[in-house]
Amino acid sequence: MEIQENKSTLVVETRNEEKIKKIWKTAGILLAITVVEFIMAFTMGRGILLYGAFMALTVWKAKYIMLEFMHLGDEVKPLFYSIIVPLIFLVWLIIVLVKEGSEIFLMRW
């Protein structure tokens, strides 16, 4: 039986400044959206405007995360829309179910 020598070497690649800038830009955009949501939560009164803004910003953040971190920004548009359109319908479904549930709860027999 022959013993094989391990001749693998470690190859260190140079830093890709463009990728590092893109990561920081993405983190900055997501941080800015989160700060806006945080400020809105403590300054605006509760109501449909606040909830609608939260949902819109959440969908926007989800879209941006899908484009950047899941690398769907470089894919074909139908693939992107096959993911984001069902997400929008799911959010709409949740809103309708909550509204209808509260209406049924408040209904007087």
N, C-alpha and C. Protein backbone atom coordinates (compact mmCIF):
# COMPACT_ATOMS: atom_id res chain seq x y z
N MET A 1 0.85 -1.17 0.00
CA MET A 1 0.00 0.00 0.00
C MET A 1 0.89 1.23 0.00
N GLU A 2 0.55 2.16 -0.80
CA GLU A 2 1.37 3.35 -1.01
C GLU A 2 0.79 4.54 -0.25
N ILE A 3 1.62 5.30 0.38
CA ILE A 3 1.19 6.49 1.10
C ILE A 3 1.34 7.69 0.17
N GLN A 4 0.25 8.44 0.02
CA GLN A 4 0.29 9.61 -0.85
C GLN A 4 0.64 10.85 -0.02
N GLU A 5 1.46 11.65 -0.59
CA GLU A 5 1.80 12.90 0.09
C GLU A 5 0.75 13.95 -0.23
N ASN A 6 0.45 14.75 0.74
CA ASN A 6 -0.51 15.84 0.55
C ASN A 6 0.25 17.04 0.00
N LYS A 7 0.04 17.32 -1.27
CA LYS A 7 0.76 18.41 -1.92
C LYS A 7 -0.15 19.61 -2.18
N SER A 8 -1.24 19.70 -1.47
CA SER A 8 -2.13 20.83 -1.67
C SER A 8 -1.52 22.07 -1.01
N THR A 9 -1.75 23.18 -1.66
CA THR A 9 -1.24 24.43 -1.13
C THR A 9 -2.40 25.40 -0.95
N LEU A 10 -2.21 26.31 -0.07
CA LEU A 10 -3.21 27.32 0.20
C LEU A 10 -2.98 28.49 -0.74
N VAL A 11 -4.02 28.84 -1.47
CA VAL A 11 -3.93 29.95 -2.40
C VAL A 11 -4.74 31.11 -1.82
N VAL A 12 -4.09 32.23 -1.61
CA VAL A 12 -4.75 33.41 -1.07
C VAL A 12 -5.07 34.34 -2.23
N GLU A 13 -6.35 34.64 -2.37
CA GLU A 13 -6.76 35.54 -3.45
C GLU A 13 -6.73 36.97 -2.95
N THR A 14 -6.56 37.88 -3.88
CA THR A 14 -6.54 39.30 -3.52
C THR A 14 -7.95 39.76 -3.19
N ARG A 15 -8.03 40.83 -2.42
CA ARG A 15 -9.33 41.39 -2.04
C ARG A 15 -9.99 42.00 -3.27
N ASN A 16 -11.27 41.75 -3.37
CA ASN A 16 -12.05 42.35 -4.45
C ASN A 16 -12.79 43.55 -3.87
N GLU A 17 -12.25 44.72 -4.09
CA GLU A 17 -12.81 45.95 -3.50
C GLU A 17 -14.23 46.22 -3.99
N GLU A 18 -14.54 45.83 -5.21
CA GLU A 18 -15.87 46.07 -5.75
C GLU A 18 -16.92 45.27 -4.97
N LYS A 19 -16.61 44.03 -4.66
CA LYS A 19 -17.56 43.21 -3.89
C LYS A 19 -17.72 43.74 -2.47
N ILE A 20 -16.64 44.20 -1.88
CA ILE A 20 -16.70 44.75 -0.52
C ILE A 20 -17.55 46.01 -0.50
N LYS A 21 -17.41 46.87 -1.50
CA LYS A 21 -18.24 48.09 -1.57
C LYS A 21 -19.71 47.74 -1.76
N LYS A 22 -19.98 46.70 -2.55
CA LYS A 22 -21.37 46.30 -2.78
C LYS A 22 -22.00 45.77 -1.48
N ILE A 23 -21.23 45.01 -0.70
CA ILE A 23 -21.75 44.50 0.57
C ILE A 23 -22.06 45.65 1.53
N TRP A 24 -21.16 46.62 1.62
CA TRP A 24 -21.39 47.77 2.51
C TRP A 24 -22.56 48.62 2.03
N LYS A 25 -22.71 48.75 0.72
CA LYS A 25 -23.84 49.51 0.18
C LYS A 25 -25.16 48.82 0.53
N THR A 26 -25.19 47.50 0.37
CA THR A 26 -26.39 46.73 0.70
C THR A 26 -26.72 46.85 2.19
N ALA A 27 -25.71 46.71 3.03
CA ALA A 27 -25.92 46.83 4.48
C ALA A 27 -26.42 48.23 4.83
N GLY A 28 -25.89 49.24 4.18
CA GLY A 28 -26.32 50.62 4.44
C GLY A 28 -27.76 50.86 4.05
N ILE A 29 -28.16 50.33 2.89
CA ILE A 29 -29.55 50.50 2.43
C ILE A 29 -30.52 49.80 3.39
N LEU A 30 -30.19 48.57 3.77
CA LEU A 30 -31.07 47.84 4.70
C LEU A 30 -31.11 48.52 6.07
N LEU A 31 -29.99 49.07 6.51
CA LEU A 31 -29.96 49.81 7.78
C LEU A 31 -30.82 51.07 7.69
N ALA A 32 -30.74 51.78 6.57
CA ALA A 32 -31.53 53.00 6.41
C ALA A 32 -33.03 52.69 6.44
N ILE A 33 -33.44 51.63 5.76
CA ILE A 33 -34.86 51.26 5.77
C ILE A 33 -35.30 50.87 7.18
N THR A 34 -34.45 50.14 7.90
CA THR A 34 -34.78 49.74 9.26
C THR A 34 -34.86 50.94 10.18
N VAL A 35 -33.98 51.92 10.02
CA VAL A 35 -34.03 53.14 10.84
C VAL A 35 -35.32 53.91 10.57
N VAL A 36 -35.73 53.98 9.30
CA VAL A 36 -36.99 54.66 8.96
C VAL A 36 -38.16 53.93 9.63
N GLU A 37 -38.15 52.61 9.58
CA GLU A 37 -39.22 51.86 10.25
C GLU A 37 -39.22 52.10 11.76
N PHE A 38 -38.05 52.14 12.34
CA PHE A 38 -37.93 52.37 13.79
C PHE A 38 -38.46 53.75 14.16
N ILE A 39 -38.08 54.76 13.41
CA ILE A 39 -38.55 56.13 13.68
C ILE A 39 -40.06 56.23 13.52
N MET A 40 -40.59 55.60 12.46
CA MET A 40 -42.04 55.63 12.23
C MET A 40 -42.79 54.95 13.37
N ALA A 41 -42.21 53.88 13.92
CA ALA A 41 -42.89 53.13 14.98
C ALA A 41 -43.07 53.98 16.23
N PHE A 42 -42.15 54.90 16.50
CA PHE A 42 -42.23 55.68 17.72
C PHE A 42 -42.75 57.10 17.53
N THR A 43 -42.94 57.53 16.28
CA THR A 43 -43.42 58.89 16.07
C THR A 43 -44.83 58.96 15.49
N MET A 44 -45.24 57.95 14.77
CA MET A 44 -46.56 57.99 14.13
C MET A 44 -47.60 57.31 15.01
N GLY A 45 -48.82 57.76 14.89
CA GLY A 45 -49.91 57.12 15.60
C GLY A 45 -50.30 55.82 14.92
N ARG A 46 -50.85 54.91 15.70
CA ARG A 46 -51.25 53.63 15.14
C ARG A 46 -52.42 53.84 14.20
N GLY A 47 -52.38 53.16 13.08
CA GLY A 47 -53.46 53.28 12.12
C GLY A 47 -53.09 52.61 10.81
N ILE A 48 -53.97 52.75 9.86
CA ILE A 48 -53.80 52.09 8.57
C ILE A 48 -52.59 52.64 7.82
N LEU A 49 -52.28 53.92 8.00
CA LEU A 49 -51.13 54.52 7.32
C LEU A 49 -49.82 53.90 7.82
N LEU A 50 -49.69 53.76 9.11
CA LEU A 50 -48.48 53.17 9.68
C LEU A 50 -48.34 51.71 9.27
N TYR A 51 -49.42 50.95 9.36
CA TYR A 51 -49.36 49.53 9.01
C TYR A 51 -49.07 49.35 7.53
N GLY A 52 -49.67 50.18 6.70
CA GLY A 52 -49.40 50.11 5.26
C GLY A 52 -47.95 50.45 4.94
N ALA A 53 -47.42 51.46 5.62
CA ALA A 53 -46.02 51.83 5.40
C ALA A 53 -45.09 50.72 5.86
N PHE A 54 -45.40 50.10 6.99
CA PHE A 54 -44.58 48.97 7.47
C PHE A 54 -44.59 47.83 6.47
N MET A 55 -45.76 47.52 5.95
CA MET A 55 -45.85 46.41 4.98
C MET A 55 -45.10 46.74 3.69
N ALA A 56 -45.23 47.97 3.23
CA ALA A 56 -44.53 48.36 2.00
C ALA A 56 -43.01 48.32 2.21
N LEU A 57 -42.53 48.83 3.33
CA LEU A 57 -41.09 48.80 3.59
C LEU A 57 -40.58 47.38 3.81
N THR A 58 -41.39 46.54 4.41
CA THR A 58 -40.99 45.15 4.61
C THR A 58 -40.89 44.41 3.29
N VAL A 59 -41.85 44.63 2.40
CA VAL A 59 -41.78 44.00 1.07
C VAL A 59 -40.58 44.54 0.30
N TRP A 60 -40.30 45.83 0.44
CA TRP A 60 -39.16 46.43 -0.24
C TRP A 60 -37.84 45.81 0.27
N LYS A 61 -37.74 45.65 1.59
CA LYS A 61 -36.54 45.01 2.15
C LYS A 61 -36.43 43.56 1.69
N ALA A 62 -37.53 42.85 1.67
CA ALA A 62 -37.50 41.45 1.22
C ALA A 62 -37.07 41.36 -0.24
N LYS A 63 -37.57 42.28 -1.05
CA LYS A 63 -37.18 42.31 -2.47
C LYS A 63 -35.69 42.59 -2.60
N TYR A 64 -35.18 43.53 -1.84
CA TYR A 64 -33.77 43.89 -1.93
C TYR A 64 -32.89 42.74 -1.44
N ILE A 65 -33.31 42.07 -0.38
CA ILE A 65 -32.56 40.92 0.13
C ILE A 65 -32.55 39.80 -0.91
N MET A 66 -33.69 39.57 -1.55
CA MET A 66 -33.75 38.54 -2.59
C MET A 66 -32.84 38.90 -3.76
N LEU A 67 -32.83 40.16 -4.15
CA LEU A 67 -32.00 40.57 -5.29
C LEU A 67 -30.52 40.44 -4.98
N GLU A 68 -30.10 40.84 -3.79
CA GLU A 68 -28.68 40.88 -3.48
C GLU A 68 -28.14 39.58 -2.90
N PHE A 69 -28.75 39.11 -1.81
CA PHE A 69 -28.19 37.97 -1.11
C PHE A 69 -28.55 36.64 -1.76
N MET A 70 -29.70 36.57 -2.42
CA MET A 70 -30.06 35.34 -3.10
C MET A 70 -29.63 35.39 -4.57
N HIS A 71 -28.97 36.48 -4.96
CA HIS A 71 -28.42 36.65 -6.31
C HIS A 71 -29.49 36.54 -7.40
N LEU A 72 -30.69 37.00 -7.11
CA LEU A 72 -31.74 36.97 -8.12
C LEU A 72 -31.74 38.22 -8.98
N GLY A 73 -30.94 39.21 -8.64
CA GLY A 73 -30.86 40.41 -9.45
C GLY A 73 -30.22 40.16 -10.80
N ASP A 74 -29.39 39.13 -10.87
CA ASP A 74 -28.73 38.80 -12.12
C ASP A 74 -29.49 37.77 -12.93
N GLU A 75 -30.55 37.24 -12.37
CA GLU A 75 -31.34 36.22 -13.07
C GLU A 75 -32.36 36.88 -13.99
N VAL A 76 -33.08 36.05 -14.70
CA VAL A 76 -34.11 36.56 -15.59
C VAL A 76 -35.27 37.11 -14.77
N LYS A 77 -35.96 38.08 -15.30
CA LYS A 77 -37.05 38.73 -14.58
C LYS A 77 -38.22 37.80 -14.24
N PRO A 78 -38.61 36.86 -15.11
CA PRO A 78 -39.73 35.99 -14.71
C PRO A 78 -39.44 35.19 -13.44
N LEU A 79 -38.18 34.80 -13.23
CA LEU A 79 -37.85 34.09 -12.00
C LEU A 79 -38.06 34.99 -10.79
N PHE A 80 -37.63 36.25 -10.90
CA PHE A 80 -37.81 37.20 -9.81
C PHE A 80 -39.30 37.42 -9.54
N TYR A 81 -40.08 37.63 -10.60
CA TYR A 81 -41.50 37.90 -10.42
C TYR A 81 -42.26 36.66 -9.94
N SER A 82 -41.75 35.47 -10.22
CA SER A 82 -42.41 34.26 -9.71
C SER A 82 -42.25 34.14 -8.20
N ILE A 83 -41.32 34.89 -7.63
CA ILE A 83 -41.14 34.87 -6.18
C ILE A 83 -41.82 36.07 -5.53
N ILE A 84 -41.68 37.27 -6.10
CA ILE A 84 -42.19 38.48 -5.44
C ILE A 84 -43.71 38.62 -5.57
N VAL A 85 -44.30 38.19 -6.69
CA VAL A 85 -45.75 38.32 -6.86
C VAL A 85 -46.51 37.44 -5.86
N PRO A 86 -46.13 36.17 -5.67
CA PRO A 86 -46.81 35.40 -4.62
C PRO A 86 -46.63 36.00 -3.23
N LEU A 87 -45.48 36.62 -2.98
CA LEU A 87 -45.26 37.27 -1.69
C LEU A 87 -46.26 38.41 -1.49
N ILE A 88 -46.49 39.19 -2.52
CA ILE A 88 -47.46 40.29 -2.43
C ILE A 88 -48.87 39.74 -2.19
N PHE A 89 -49.24 38.66 -2.90
CA PHE A 89 -50.55 38.06 -2.68
C PHE A 89 -50.67 37.47 -1.28
N LEU A 90 -49.58 36.94 -0.75
CA LEU A 90 -49.60 36.39 0.60
C LEU A 90 -49.83 37.50 1.63
N VAL A 91 -49.17 38.63 1.45
CA VAL A 91 -49.38 39.78 2.35
C VAL A 91 -50.82 40.25 2.25
N TRP A 92 -51.36 40.32 1.02
CA TRP A 92 -52.75 40.73 0.83
C TRP A 92 -53.69 39.75 1.52
N LEU A 93 -53.41 38.45 1.41
CA LEU A 93 -54.24 37.44 2.05
C LEU A 93 -54.25 37.61 3.57
N ILE A 94 -53.11 37.88 4.15
CA ILE A 94 -53.04 38.07 5.60
C ILE A 94 -53.86 39.28 6.02
N ILE A 95 -53.75 40.38 5.25
CA ILE A 95 -54.53 41.59 5.57
C ILE A 95 -56.02 41.29 5.51
N VAL A 96 -56.46 40.61 4.46
CA VAL A 96 -57.88 40.31 4.31
C VAL A 96 -58.37 39.37 5.41
N LEU A 97 -57.57 38.37 5.76
CA LEU A 97 -57.98 37.45 6.81
C LEU A 97 -58.10 38.15 8.16
N VAL A 98 -57.18 39.04 8.46
CA VAL A 98 -57.26 39.78 9.72
C VAL A 98 -58.48 40.68 9.73
N LYS A 99 -58.74 41.38 8.62
CA LYS A 99 -59.90 42.27 8.55
C LYS A 99 -61.20 41.49 8.66
N GLU A 100 -61.33 40.42 7.90
CA GLU A 100 -62.56 39.63 7.95
C GLU A 100 -62.74 38.97 9.32
N GLY A 101 -61.63 38.52 9.91
CA GLY A 101 -61.71 37.93 11.24
C GLY A 101 -62.19 38.92 12.28
N SER A 102 -61.71 40.15 12.19
CA SER A 102 -62.15 41.16 13.15
C SER A 102 -63.60 41.56 12.91
N GLU A 103 -64.04 41.58 11.65
CA GLU A 103 -65.43 41.90 11.36
C GLU A 103 -66.36 40.82 11.89
N ILE A 104 -65.99 39.56 11.72
CA ILE A 104 -66.82 38.47 12.23
C ILE A 104 -66.85 38.50 13.75
N PHE A 105 -65.71 38.82 14.36
CA PHE A 105 -65.65 38.89 15.83
C PHE A 105 -66.55 40.00 16.37
N LEU A 106 -66.61 41.13 15.65
CA LEU A 106 -67.41 42.26 16.13
C LEU A 106 -68.88 42.16 15.74
N MET A 107 -69.22 41.21 14.88
CA MET A 107 -70.60 41.09 14.42
C MET A 107 -71.51 40.68 15.58
N ARG A 108 -72.67 41.30 15.64
CA ARG A 108 -73.63 40.99 16.70
C ARG A 108 -74.69 40.05 16.14
N TRP A 109 -74.94 39.00 16.86
CA TRP A 109 -75.93 38.01 16.40
C TRP A 109 -77.29 38.42 16.81
